[in-house]
C-alpha cells in the first residue's frame, strides 16, 4: 500500500512539473508573436519604357471649372500606405463606401451617376463617364453609365429576375458591395474620366502609378498640373510612375473606337498639402 502511495505521489509530482514547463513554454512563445502587418499587394506591372506622346488638348476650355456636384463617401477599410509625401492606395472598384452611393449598388453591373468615388488620403478619386461638353466631341460620350462587372463569377438570374450568385446548381442572393469588381465600358467610343477633388477644390493634383488593363488595348491621356496633355496606346499591366505624376486628370478609351475596354487596380498617390 505504501509502495502504491509513493508511485501516485511520484506521478503527481511529474505531472505538476510537466504542466509548469508547458505553461511557461507556451507563454514565452505567445509573447514572441508579432502582430501581422498588411503587405502591399504584389505587382507584376511592367514599367512603361516608351515616353508618352504630347497630344492636342482634348478640351477647348480646360480651365473652365466643373459644375458637377461633389460627393464625399466615407473611407472604408483599405490597404492604404502613408508616407511623408502622401497616401497611396488602389482604386479597385471594391470599396464598400464607393459602391453604396451607386443606385442599387450597381448590382446589375450598371454604374450610374454619381459613378464610383473612393476616398484616398485627403481627396476623393472620381471615376466617371466623360460627358462634359467642355471637351471636344472626339473625347467625350454620353451613355450615362459604365459597367462594374464581377471578377469571381458570372451572375445568374433569381426567380424575381434580379442578379444572383451561382452556388452549385442554385442561384442565391448576395451582397453586391462585398464582391470584387472591375470597370468595363459600354462601347468602343466610351470615354472614362479620372480626377481628384477635396473639400476645398474640384481639382487636386495626384499621381497614377499603375493600371491593370483587363481588356484592351486602351488609349490613356493625362494632363500635367503645369499644363500639357500626354498619352499612350498600350495594353497589359502598366507601371506609370516614371511619367504619370503631378497630374490633374486622366482620360481613357479604346484605341480603335470599336470594342469596349476594361481596367482595374488604379494605384493612386495623393500628396499632402
Protein backbone atom coordinates (compact mmCIF):
# COMPACT_ATOMS: atom_id res chain seq x y z
CA UNK A 1 0.00 0.00 0.00
CA UNK A 2 2.84 2.31 0.90
CA UNK A 3 4.51 1.49 -2.41
CA UNK A 4 1.35 2.45 -4.33
CA UNK A 5 1.14 5.78 -2.47
CA UNK A 6 4.72 6.60 -3.38
CA UNK A 7 4.00 5.80 -7.03
CA UNK A 8 0.94 8.05 -7.06
CA UNK A 9 2.87 10.90 -5.42
CA UNK A 10 5.68 10.50 -7.97
CA UNK A 11 3.20 10.67 -10.88
CA UNK A 12 1.52 13.77 -9.45
CA UNK A 13 4.93 15.44 -8.98
CA UNK A 14 5.87 14.59 -12.58
CA UNK A 15 2.59 15.94 -13.96
CA UNK A 16 2.99 19.16 -11.96
CA UNK A 17 6.49 19.71 -13.36
CA UNK A 18 5.30 18.92 -16.91
CA UNK A 19 2.34 21.30 -16.67
CA UNK A 20 4.57 24.10 -15.38
CA UNK A 21 7.01 23.55 -18.25
CA UNK A 22 4.28 23.56 -20.91
CA UNK A 23 2.60 26.64 -19.48
CA UNK A 24 5.88 28.55 -19.31
CA UNK A 25 6.92 27.43 -22.78
CA UNK A 26 3.58 28.37 -24.40
CA UNK A 27 3.54 31.73 -22.64
CA UNK A 28 7.02 32.55 -23.91
CA UNK A 29 6.07 31.64 -27.49
CA UNK A 30 2.91 33.74 -27.32
CA UNK A 31 4.89 36.76 -26.17
CA UNK A 32 7.18 36.35 -29.17
CA UNK A 33 4.34 36.55 -31.73
CA UNK A 34 4.47 39.73 -33.79
CA UNK A 35 1.25 41.45 -34.94
CA UNK A 36 0.58 40.89 -38.63
CA UNK A 37 1.31 43.87 -40.82
CA UNK A 38 -0.73 44.15 -44.00
CA UNK A 39 1.55 43.80 -47.01
CA UNK A 40 1.19 45.84 -50.17
CA UNK A 41 -0.30 43.69 -52.91
CA UNK A 42 2.25 42.08 -55.17
CA UNK A 43 2.51 43.55 -58.63
CA UNK A 44 3.80 42.24 -61.91
CA UNK A 45 3.28 45.58 -63.64
CA UNK A 46 5.74 46.35 -66.43
CA UNK A 47 7.40 49.74 -66.37
CA UNK A 48 6.43 51.78 -69.41
CA UNK A 49 9.61 52.46 -71.32
CA UNK A 50 8.05 54.48 -74.12
CA UNK A 51 7.96 58.20 -73.47
CA UNK A 52 4.33 59.39 -73.67
CA UNK A 53 3.38 61.36 -76.76
CA UNK A 54 2.44 65.01 -76.50
CA UNK A 55 -1.09 65.47 -77.80
CA UNK A 56 -3.56 68.19 -78.69
CA UNK A 57 -5.68 69.11 -75.68
CA UNK A 58 -8.92 67.06 -75.60
CA UNK A 59 -10.82 70.09 -74.34
CA UNK A 60 -11.34 73.56 -75.70
CA UNK A 61 -11.91 75.14 -72.29
CA UNK A 62 -9.74 73.14 -69.94
CA UNK A 63 -9.56 75.93 -67.38
CA UNK A 64 -13.31 76.13 -67.02
CA UNK A 65 -14.42 74.95 -63.56
CA UNK A 66 -16.54 71.83 -63.27
CA UNK A 67 -20.17 72.46 -62.36
CA UNK A 68 -20.84 68.89 -61.28
CA UNK A 69 -21.87 68.14 -57.72
CA UNK A 70 -19.18 66.69 -55.50
CA UNK A 71 -19.81 63.64 -53.29
CA UNK A 72 -17.77 62.64 -50.25
CA UNK A 73 -18.17 58.93 -49.40
CA UNK A 74 -16.67 57.93 -46.07
CA UNK A 75 -13.45 55.96 -46.01
CA UNK A 76 -13.79 52.19 -45.74
CA UNK A 77 -11.13 49.67 -44.72
CA UNK A 78 -8.29 49.66 -47.22
CA UNK A 79 -4.63 48.82 -47.59
CA UNK A 80 -3.63 52.46 -47.98
CA UNK A 81 0.00 53.32 -47.32
CA UNK A 82 1.05 56.65 -45.83
CA UNK A 83 4.38 58.39 -46.21
CA UNK A 84 5.86 61.83 -45.72
CA UNK A 85 4.73 62.62 -49.27
CA UNK A 86 1.15 61.40 -49.13
CA UNK A 87 -1.20 58.41 -49.21
CA UNK A 88 -1.09 55.59 -51.76
CA UNK A 89 -3.97 53.18 -52.34
CA UNK A 90 -5.58 51.07 -55.04
CA UNK A 91 -8.78 52.38 -56.59
CA UNK A 92 -10.02 48.88 -57.39
CA UNK A 93 -13.82 49.36 -57.52
CA UNK A 94 -14.21 47.16 -54.41
CA UNK A 95 -14.57 49.91 -51.79
CA UNK A 96 -17.84 49.43 -49.95
CA UNK A 97 -18.48 53.14 -49.44
CA UNK A 98 -17.83 53.76 -53.13
CA UNK A 99 -20.38 51.10 -54.07
CA UNK A 100 -23.00 52.15 -51.52
CA UNK A 101 -23.54 55.54 -53.23
CA UNK A 102 -24.37 53.90 -56.58
CA UNK A 103 -28.02 53.28 -57.46
CA UNK A 104 -28.84 49.71 -56.37
CA UNK A 105 -25.12 49.36 -55.58
CA UNK A 106 -24.55 48.58 -59.29
CA UNK A 107 -25.95 45.12 -58.57
CA UNK A 108 -26.80 44.63 -62.25
CA UNK A 109 -23.29 45.99 -63.13
CA UNK A 110 -24.70 49.35 -64.31
CA UNK A 111 -22.78 52.15 -62.56
CA UNK A 112 -24.92 55.28 -62.93
CA UNK A 113 -24.40 58.82 -61.63
CA UNK A 114 -22.63 59.71 -59.38
CA UNK A 115 -20.42 56.83 -60.60
CA UNK A 116 -17.65 55.32 -58.48
CA UNK A 117 -15.90 57.54 -55.92
CA UNK A 118 -13.22 56.36 -53.50
CA UNK A 119 -11.55 58.22 -50.67
CA UNK A 120 -7.73 58.23 -50.81
CA UNK A 121 -5.91 60.36 -48.24
CA UNK A 122 -7.42 63.83 -48.10
CA UNK A 123 -9.03 63.54 -51.54
CA UNK A 124 -11.70 61.60 -53.38
CA UNK A 125 -10.92 59.88 -56.67
CA UNK A 126 -13.87 60.16 -59.06
CA UNK A 127 -14.10 57.66 -61.94
CA UNK A 128 -16.89 58.83 -64.22
CA UNK A 129 -18.02 58.95 -67.82
CA UNK A 130 -16.51 61.93 -69.59
CA UNK A 131 -19.67 63.56 -70.90
CA UNK A 132 -18.73 67.19 -70.20
CA UNK A 133 -19.30 69.48 -73.17
CA UNK A 134 -16.12 71.48 -72.46
CA UNK A 135 -14.23 68.58 -74.08
CA UNK A 136 -14.09 68.10 -77.82
CA UNK A 137 -16.62 65.62 -79.18
CA UNK A 138 -13.94 63.05 -80.03
CA UNK A 139 -13.06 62.80 -76.30
CA UNK A 140 -16.49 62.51 -74.73
CA UNK A 141 -19.50 60.18 -74.73
CA UNK A 142 -22.99 60.14 -73.27
CA UNK A 143 -24.06 56.59 -72.42
CA UNK A 144 -24.99 57.61 -68.88
CA UNK A 145 -23.27 54.64 -67.26
CA UNK A 146 -20.42 52.19 -67.36
CA UNK A 147 -20.25 48.64 -66.02
CA UNK A 148 -18.71 47.28 -62.83
CA UNK A 149 -18.50 43.59 -63.60
CA UNK A 150 -17.96 40.84 -61.03
CA UNK A 151 -14.47 39.38 -61.04
CA UNK A 152 -15.19 36.00 -59.44
CA UNK A 153 -18.44 34.86 -61.07
CA UNK A 154 -20.92 35.38 -63.88
CA UNK A 155 -24.27 36.49 -62.40
CA UNK A 156 -27.33 34.30 -62.75
CA UNK A 157 -30.99 35.30 -62.51
CA UNK A 158 -33.07 34.59 -59.42
CA UNK A 159 -36.78 33.85 -59.60
CA UNK A 160 -37.67 37.54 -59.24
CA UNK A 161 -35.42 38.50 -62.14
CA UNK A 162 -32.66 40.07 -60.02
CA UNK A 163 -28.99 39.21 -60.39
CA UNK A 164 -27.89 36.35 -58.17
CA UNK A 165 -24.67 34.47 -57.46
CA UNK A 166 -24.25 30.86 -58.63
CA UNK A 167 -23.93 28.36 -55.78
CA UNK A 168 -23.81 24.80 -57.06
CA UNK A 169 -27.00 24.31 -59.06
CA UNK A 170 -28.72 27.23 -57.32
CA UNK A 171 -28.82 30.99 -57.87
CA UNK A 172 -28.63 32.73 -54.49
CA UNK A 173 -28.88 36.25 -53.16
CA UNK A 174 -25.63 38.12 -52.36
CA UNK A 175 -24.31 41.47 -51.16
CA UNK A 176 -23.02 43.39 -54.23
CA UNK A 177 -20.98 45.74 -52.03
CA UNK A 178 -18.73 42.88 -50.90
CA UNK A 179 -17.78 41.44 -54.30
CA UNK A 180 -14.58 42.35 -56.21
CA UNK A 181 -15.33 44.43 -59.32
CA UNK A 182 -13.60 45.79 -62.40
CA UNK A 183 -14.65 48.54 -64.80
CA UNK A 184 -15.85 47.89 -68.36
CA UNK A 185 -17.02 50.46 -70.86
CA UNK A 186 -20.30 50.10 -72.73
CA UNK A 187 -18.77 50.54 -76.20
CA UNK A 188 -15.55 51.35 -78.01
CA UNK A 189 -16.23 55.10 -78.20
CA UNK A 190 -16.98 55.31 -74.48
CA UNK A 191 -14.71 57.75 -72.56
CA UNK A 192 -13.86 57.49 -68.85
CA UNK A 193 -12.50 60.40 -66.82
CA UNK A 194 -10.49 60.06 -63.58
CA UNK A 195 -9.71 63.05 -61.39
CA UNK A 196 -9.37 64.01 -57.71
CA UNK A 197 -11.08 66.64 -55.56
CA UNK A 198 -11.31 67.61 -51.91
CA UNK A 199 -13.46 69.86 -49.71
CA UNK A 200 -11.74 73.00 -50.95
CA UNK A 201 -11.18 72.36 -54.66
CA UNK A 202 -12.80 70.47 -57.53
CA UNK A 203 -9.36 69.57 -58.89
CA UNK A 204 -6.47 68.18 -56.84
CA UNK A 205 -3.08 67.01 -58.07
CA UNK A 206 -2.38 63.26 -57.81
CA UNK A 207 -0.15 60.50 -59.24
CA UNK A 208 -1.36 57.50 -61.24
CA UNK A 209 1.35 54.92 -60.54
CA UNK A 210 -0.20 51.76 -62.04
CA UNK A 211 -3.16 50.49 -64.03
CA UNK A 212 -4.22 46.96 -64.93
CA UNK A 213 -5.81 46.68 -68.38
CA UNK A 214 -8.17 43.70 -68.35
CA UNK A 215 -9.47 44.22 -71.87
CA UNK A 216 -7.58 46.40 -74.32
CA UNK A 217 -5.76 47.95 -75.92
CA UNK A 218 -6.61 51.34 -74.48
CA UNK A 219 -5.53 54.91 -75.05
CA UNK A 220 -4.65 56.71 -71.85
CA UNK A 221 -4.37 60.51 -71.77
CA UNK A 222 -3.18 62.51 -68.78
CA UNK A 223 -2.82 66.21 -68.05
CA UNK A 224 0.16 67.57 -66.12
CA UNK A 225 -0.58 70.09 -63.39
CA UNK A 226 1.72 72.57 -65.12
CA UNK A 227 -0.19 72.17 -68.40
CA UNK A 228 0.02 69.95 -71.44
CA UNK A 229 -1.59 66.63 -72.39
CA UNK A 230 0.27 63.35 -72.99
CA UNK A 231 -0.90 59.88 -74.00
CA UNK A 232 -0.02 56.22 -74.67
CA UNK A 233 -1.62 53.44 -76.67
CA UNK A 234 -0.88 50.13 -74.96
CA UNK A 235 -2.09 47.04 -73.15
CA UNK A 236 -1.32 44.90 -70.10
CA UNK A 237 -0.50 45.93 -66.55
CA UNK A 238 1.46 49.18 -66.55
CA UNK A 239 3.78 50.85 -64.10
CA UNK A 240 3.34 54.54 -64.96
CA UNK A 241 5.32 56.00 -62.07
CA UNK A 242 8.10 57.40 -64.27
CA UNK A 243 5.74 59.76 -66.09
CA UNK A 244 2.19 59.93 -64.74
CA UNK A 245 2.89 62.13 -61.69
CA UNK A 246 1.68 65.57 -60.64
CA UNK A 247 -1.36 65.27 -62.87
CA UNK A 248 -4.89 66.66 -62.65
CA UNK A 249 -6.91 64.22 -64.75
CA UNK A 250 -6.86 61.07 -66.87
CA UNK A 251 -8.99 60.15 -69.89
CA UNK A 252 -9.28 56.52 -71.05
CA UNK A 253 -10.96 54.89 -74.05
CA UNK A 254 -10.43 52.19 -76.66
CA UNK A 255 -7.69 52.73 -79.23
CA UNK A 256 -9.95 51.77 -82.14
CA UNK A 257 -13.39 53.07 -81.03
CA UNK A 258 -14.81 49.66 -81.99
CA UNK A 259 -14.57 47.41 -78.92
CA UNK A 260 -15.25 48.07 -75.24
CA UNK A 261 -12.33 48.06 -72.85
CA UNK A 262 -11.79 47.14 -69.22
CA UNK A 263 -9.38 48.12 -66.46
CA UNK A 264 -8.81 47.72 -62.73
CA UNK A 265 -6.38 48.37 -59.86
CA UNK A 266 -5.56 52.04 -60.33
CA UNK A 267 -2.66 52.64 -57.95
CA UNK A 268 -3.05 56.27 -56.91
CA UNK A 269 -0.96 58.52 -54.70
CA UNK A 270 -2.49 61.67 -53.24
CA UNK A 271 0.12 64.12 -51.87
CA UNK A 272 -0.28 66.12 -48.66
CA UNK A 273 -0.93 69.85 -48.95
